[in-house]
Amino acid sequence: MIHRNVRVAALAALMAAVAMPVLAADADPVVASVNGKDIHRSAVIDAQQGIPQLRQMPLEMVYDQLLDHVVTAQLLLDQAKKQKLEDDPQVKAAFKDAQARILQQAFLAKRVDSDISEDAMKKRYEELKKSYQPKEEVKVSHILVETEEAAKTVIADLKSGVKFEDEAKAKTKDPSGSSNGGDLGFIGKGDTVPEFSDAAFKLKPGEITETPVKTQFGWHVIKAGEHRMAAPPSYEDSKGAIKNELAQQDVQKVIDGLKKSAQVKKFNLDGSPLVEKVKQ
């Protein structure tokens, strides 16, 4: 299992690149400026993809955390460049290693793109669609604030007749809440952090949490909408994951082929010839 885990980890960046959508220019606005350098939305998305715990979270819920991460990274990069660390021998060696990895990934990415056809992806989609197990979803809106006391005030306002959407636009910390009234759309169990998901699924349509819900992002007031059994995702929504799956299979096939056609000699730590075990 160790060698398999190493292989999977080494190819993780490639798999993420294969599955990542390309943003159009008008969908990649500037989201921060650091000492005059613009940071675009795509940098925040890249950062999210690089943090496994956050990949499946709605971007709106982790936006502040990710934006701070990207800003910090740019500040550190600026300082490194000021100190001309790219001329440091250890850094040069690291650059050389990184260049090798990038070339390896570029080769595999190009090979995967040529090997995996649209027909192959559609065939795999139909196979997955037949085995799809519907899961319950609930439509939710939320208001995110910093303290429990602030959340209790929000609940009191809502009970007094203030519309949820208006309260969200006025008070939520969620960046998208000021424009969409806190609407997160439909979520399934496991799509968000457990505290949020558990509270949302206990609510009936139209109900609002009686007490604030605490998560790592702050304090939430949650409103539930329609409950439904989710339909299978469309082919277009599934393409990224399907290509990722087929790419992993194709990458292993390519590597096995390269090994078979190459002359490779291996040695033990002491330099003596390594006798590989015959697979049973």
Protein backbone atom coordinates (compact mmCIF):
# COMPACT_ATOMS: atom_id res chain seq x y z
CA MET A 1 0.00 0.00 0.00
CA ILE A 2 2.92 2.39 0.66
CA HIS A 3 4.07 2.50 -2.96
CA ARG A 4 0.49 3.07 -4.14
CA ASN A 5 0.03 6.00 -1.74
CA VAL A 6 3.27 7.58 -2.92
CA ARG A 7 2.19 7.22 -6.56
CA VAL A 8 -1.22 8.74 -5.90
CA ALA A 9 0.30 11.66 -4.00
CA ALA A 10 2.81 12.33 -6.75
CA LEU A 11 0.09 12.50 -9.37
CA ALA A 12 -2.41 14.50 -7.29
CA ALA A 13 -1.42 17.82 -8.83
CA LEU A 14 -1.89 16.44 -12.34
CA MET A 15 -5.31 15.05 -11.53
CA ALA A 16 -6.43 18.37 -10.10
CA ALA A 17 -5.19 20.18 -13.21
CA VAL A 18 -7.05 17.80 -15.52
CA ALA A 19 -10.33 18.34 -13.67
CA MET A 20 -10.06 22.09 -13.11
CA PRO A 21 -12.28 24.32 -15.28
CA VAL A 22 -10.72 27.23 -17.13
CA LEU A 23 -12.17 30.60 -16.15
CA ALA A 24 -13.11 33.09 -18.82
CA ALA A 25 -11.47 36.49 -18.47
CA ASP A 26 -14.70 38.17 -17.39
CA ALA A 27 -15.21 35.49 -14.72
CA ASP A 28 -11.82 36.16 -13.11
CA PRO A 29 -12.14 39.54 -11.40
CA VAL A 30 -9.54 41.14 -9.16
CA VAL A 31 -10.30 40.19 -5.54
CA ALA A 32 -7.35 41.84 -3.78
CA SER A 33 -4.35 44.07 -4.34
CA VAL A 34 -1.05 43.53 -2.51
CA ASN A 35 1.44 46.36 -2.80
CA GLY A 36 -0.02 47.23 -6.19
CA LYS A 37 -0.12 43.64 -7.50
CA ASP A 38 -3.58 42.39 -8.46
CA ILE A 39 -4.79 39.03 -7.18
CA HIS A 40 -7.55 37.39 -9.22
CA ARG A 41 -10.40 35.10 -8.26
CA SER A 42 -8.65 32.19 -10.01
CA ALA A 43 -5.85 32.38 -7.41
CA VAL A 44 -8.41 31.85 -4.64
CA ILE A 45 -9.89 28.86 -6.50
CA ASP A 46 -6.39 27.40 -7.02
CA ALA A 47 -5.72 27.79 -3.31
CA GLN A 48 -8.96 25.96 -2.48
CA GLN A 49 -8.01 23.06 -4.76
CA GLY A 50 -4.67 22.83 -2.97
CA ILE A 51 -6.28 22.32 0.45
CA PRO A 52 -8.02 18.90 0.53
CA GLN A 53 -10.24 19.78 3.51
CA LEU A 54 -11.73 22.75 1.65
CA ARG A 55 -12.13 21.39 -1.88
CA GLN A 56 -15.74 20.25 -1.43
CA MET A 57 -16.85 23.32 0.53
CA PRO A 58 -18.92 26.04 -1.19
CA LEU A 59 -16.42 28.73 -2.14
CA GLU A 60 -18.54 31.40 -0.46
CA MET A 61 -18.20 29.71 2.93
CA VAL A 62 -14.38 29.59 2.88
CA TYR A 63 -13.71 32.68 0.77
CA ASP A 64 -12.40 34.92 3.58
CA GLN A 65 -10.04 32.22 4.82
CA LEU A 66 -8.73 31.47 1.33
CA LEU A 67 -8.33 35.13 0.39
CA ASP A 68 -6.23 35.74 3.50
CA HIS A 69 -4.16 32.65 2.58
CA VAL A 70 -3.51 34.00 -0.94
CA VAL A 71 -2.66 37.50 0.32
CA THR A 72 -0.22 36.05 2.86
CA ALA A 73 1.41 33.92 0.17
CA GLN A 74 1.93 37.00 -2.03
CA LEU A 75 3.45 38.97 0.84
CA LEU A 76 5.92 36.14 1.53
CA LEU A 77 6.78 35.86 -2.18
CA ASP A 78 7.45 39.61 -2.38
CA GLN A 79 9.86 39.40 0.56
CA ALA A 80 11.66 36.39 -0.90
CA LYS A 81 12.18 38.25 -4.18
CA LYS A 82 13.44 41.36 -2.36
CA GLN A 83 16.09 39.20 -0.71
CA LYS A 84 16.97 37.63 -4.09
CA LEU A 85 16.48 34.16 -2.67
CA GLU A 86 16.15 32.76 -6.20
CA ASP A 87 19.98 32.98 -6.30
CA ASP A 88 20.39 30.81 -3.20
CA PRO A 89 21.94 27.40 -4.11
CA GLN A 90 19.32 25.44 -2.16
CA VAL A 91 16.52 27.38 -3.83
CA LYS A 92 18.07 26.77 -7.25
CA ALA A 93 18.14 23.03 -6.50
CA ALA A 94 14.48 23.17 -5.46
CA PHE A 95 13.63 25.02 -8.69
CA LYS A 96 15.35 22.28 -10.67
CA ASP A 97 13.30 19.61 -8.89
CA ALA A 98 10.11 21.61 -9.46
CA GLN A 99 10.94 21.98 -13.16
CA ALA A 100 11.34 18.21 -13.45
CA ARG A 101 7.96 17.63 -11.80
CA ILE A 102 6.28 20.19 -14.06
CA LEU A 103 7.71 18.52 -17.16
CA GLN A 104 6.56 15.10 -15.92
CA GLN A 105 3.07 16.44 -15.27
CA ALA A 106 2.98 18.21 -18.64
CA PHE A 107 3.84 14.98 -20.43
CA LEU A 108 1.14 13.04 -18.58
CA ALA A 109 -1.46 15.78 -19.03
CA LYS A 110 -0.83 15.89 -22.79
CA ARG A 111 -0.98 12.10 -23.00
CA VAL A 112 -4.22 11.95 -20.99
CA ASP A 113 -5.85 14.57 -23.21
CA SER A 114 -5.02 12.55 -26.30
CA ASP A 115 -6.00 9.17 -24.80
CA ILE A 116 -9.36 10.03 -23.21
CA SER A 117 -12.08 10.69 -25.76
CA GLU A 118 -15.49 12.27 -25.27
CA ASP A 119 -17.08 8.93 -26.15
CA ALA A 120 -15.13 7.19 -23.39
CA MET A 121 -16.28 9.76 -20.85
CA LYS A 122 -19.91 9.48 -21.97
CA LYS A 123 -19.75 5.70 -21.71
CA ARG A 124 -18.41 5.93 -18.17
CA TYR A 125 -21.11 8.47 -17.30
CA GLU A 126 -23.85 6.07 -18.38
CA GLU A 127 -22.28 3.34 -16.23
CA LEU A 128 -22.21 5.62 -13.20
CA LYS A 129 -25.75 6.87 -13.86
CA LYS A 130 -27.12 3.30 -13.65
CA SER A 131 -25.55 2.81 -10.22
CA TYR A 132 -26.49 6.26 -8.87
CA GLN A 133 -28.10 6.25 -5.43
CA PRO A 134 -30.33 9.32 -4.89
CA LYS A 135 -29.59 11.31 -1.74
CA GLU A 136 -31.66 13.83 0.15
CA GLU A 137 -30.94 17.51 -0.36
CA VAL A 138 -32.29 20.63 1.31
CA LYS A 139 -32.33 24.19 -0.02
CA VAL A 140 -30.77 26.49 2.54
CA SER A 141 -30.01 30.11 3.20
CA HIS A 142 -27.85 31.35 6.03
CA ILE A 143 -26.67 34.46 7.83
CA LEU A 144 -23.08 34.28 9.10
CA VAL A 145 -21.96 36.55 11.95
CA GLU A 146 -18.96 36.67 14.27
CA THR A 147 -20.51 36.12 17.70
CA GLU A 148 -23.30 34.13 19.31
CA GLU A 149 -24.83 37.34 20.63
CA ALA A 150 -24.97 38.80 17.12
CA ALA A 151 -26.64 35.61 15.87
CA LYS A 152 -29.24 35.81 18.65
CA THR A 153 -29.97 39.39 17.61
CA VAL A 154 -30.50 38.19 14.03
CA ILE A 155 -32.96 35.52 15.22
CA ALA A 156 -34.83 38.15 17.26
CA ASP A 157 -35.03 40.43 14.22
CA LEU A 158 -36.42 37.60 12.09
CA LYS A 159 -39.03 36.76 14.72
CA SER A 160 -40.12 40.40 14.77
CA GLY A 161 -40.91 40.24 11.07
CA VAL A 162 -37.70 41.26 9.29
CA LYS A 163 -37.34 39.36 6.02
CA PHE A 164 -34.53 36.79 6.02
CA GLU A 165 -33.12 38.08 2.73
CA ASP A 166 -33.00 41.68 4.00
CA GLU A 167 -31.32 40.64 7.25
CA ALA A 168 -28.75 38.61 5.33
CA LYS A 169 -27.91 41.49 3.00
CA ALA A 170 -27.45 43.78 5.98
CA LYS A 171 -25.52 41.58 8.41
CA THR A 172 -23.99 38.42 6.93
CA LYS A 173 -20.21 37.97 6.71
CA ASP A 174 -20.65 35.62 3.75
CA PRO A 175 -19.30 37.63 0.77
CA SER A 176 -22.14 36.50 -1.52
CA GLY A 177 -24.85 37.14 1.06
CA SER A 178 -25.06 40.86 0.37
CA SER A 179 -26.28 40.15 -3.14
CA ASN A 180 -28.23 36.87 -2.89
CA GLY A 181 -29.78 37.15 0.55
CA GLY A 182 -27.73 34.29 1.99
CA ASP A 183 -28.95 31.67 -0.50
CA LEU A 184 -26.63 28.64 -0.71
CA GLY A 185 -28.86 26.57 -2.98
CA PHE A 186 -29.34 22.85 -2.37
CA ILE A 187 -26.88 20.95 -0.18
CA GLY A 188 -26.57 17.26 0.59
CA LYS A 189 -25.40 15.68 3.82
CA GLY A 190 -21.65 15.89 3.88
CA ASP A 191 -21.49 18.82 1.47
CA THR A 192 -20.80 21.23 4.34
CA VAL A 193 -19.24 20.98 7.78
CA PRO A 194 -21.24 18.56 10.01
CA GLU A 195 -22.56 21.19 12.42
CA PHE A 196 -24.12 23.17 9.58
CA SER A 197 -25.44 20.15 7.69
CA ASP A 198 -26.96 18.51 10.78
CA ALA A 199 -28.82 21.67 11.75
CA ALA A 200 -30.09 22.32 8.21
CA PHE A 201 -31.51 18.83 7.70
CA LYS A 202 -33.44 18.98 10.99
CA LEU A 203 -35.45 21.96 9.74
CA LYS A 204 -38.74 21.74 7.89
CA PRO A 205 -39.35 23.96 4.84
CA GLY A 206 -39.65 27.57 5.96
CA GLU A 207 -38.20 26.96 9.43
CA ILE A 208 -35.29 28.91 10.89
CA THR A 209 -32.88 27.67 13.54
CA GLU A 210 -34.09 28.63 17.01
CA THR A 211 -30.54 28.81 18.35
CA PRO A 212 -27.32 29.90 16.58
CA VAL A 213 -25.19 27.21 14.95
CA LYS A 214 -21.45 27.43 15.60
CA THR A 215 -18.90 26.25 13.01
CA GLN A 216 -15.25 27.03 12.35
CA PHE A 217 -16.40 29.97 10.21
CA GLY A 218 -18.50 31.72 12.86
CA TRP A 219 -22.12 31.65 14.00
CA HIS A 220 -24.91 30.79 11.55
CA VAL A 221 -28.63 31.40 11.44
CA ILE A 222 -30.03 28.88 8.95
CA LYS A 223 -33.29 28.85 7.02
CA ALA A 224 -34.48 25.69 5.26
CA GLY A 225 -36.41 25.53 2.03
CA GLU A 226 -37.53 22.57 -0.07
CA HIS A 227 -36.33 19.04 0.70
CA ARG A 228 -35.86 16.77 -2.32
CA MET A 229 -34.17 13.61 -3.53
CA ALA A 230 -31.37 14.68 -5.81
CA ALA A 231 -31.37 13.59 -9.43
CA PRO A 232 -28.18 12.20 -10.94
CA PRO A 233 -25.74 14.97 -11.87
CA SER A 234 -25.73 15.90 -15.53
CA TYR A 235 -23.00 14.75 -17.87
CA GLU A 236 -21.60 18.28 -18.06
CA ASP A 237 -21.40 18.50 -14.26
CA SER A 238 -19.76 15.07 -14.09
CA LYS A 239 -17.17 15.48 -16.85
CA GLY A 240 -14.43 16.77 -14.56
CA ALA A 241 -14.71 13.91 -12.07
CA ILE A 242 -15.04 11.31 -14.84
CA LYS A 243 -11.98 12.60 -16.66
CA ASN A 244 -10.12 12.57 -13.34
CA GLU A 245 -11.04 8.91 -12.81
CA LEU A 246 -10.14 7.85 -16.34
CA ALA A 247 -6.95 9.91 -16.18
CA GLN A 248 -5.70 8.03 -13.13
CA GLN A 249 -6.25 4.72 -14.95
CA ASP A 250 -4.58 6.04 -18.10
CA VAL A 251 -1.59 7.45 -16.20
CA GLN A 252 -0.92 4.07 -14.61
CA LYS A 253 -1.24 2.39 -18.00
CA VAL A 254 1.25 4.85 -19.51
CA ILE A 255 3.73 4.37 -16.66
CA ASP A 256 3.48 0.57 -16.87
CA GLY A 257 4.14 0.78 -20.62
CA LEU A 258 7.19 3.00 -20.13
CA LYS A 259 8.63 0.62 -17.55
CA LYS A 260 8.05 -2.38 -19.79
CA SER A 261 9.84 -0.82 -22.78
CA ALA A 262 12.77 0.68 -20.84
CA GLN A 263 15.97 -0.88 -19.53
CA VAL A 264 15.83 -0.22 -15.79
CA LYS A 265 18.35 -1.48 -13.24
CA LYS A 266 17.74 -1.15 -9.51
CA PHE A 267 20.16 -1.48 -6.61
CA ASN A 268 19.96 -1.89 -2.85
CA LEU A 269 21.02 0.84 -0.42
CA ASP A 270 24.52 -0.67 -0.28
CA GLY A 271 24.82 -0.63 -4.07
CA SER A 272 24.39 -4.36 -4.57
CA PRO A 273 22.01 -5.57 -7.33
CA LEU A 274 18.37 -5.56 -6.26
CA VAL A 275 16.52 -8.79 -6.92
CA GLU A 276 12.87 -7.87 -7.32
CA LYS A 277 10.29 -10.21 -5.91
CA VAL A 278 8.19 -12.07 -8.45
CA LYS A 279 4.54 -11.05 -8.21
CA GLN A 280 2.26 -13.97 -7.36
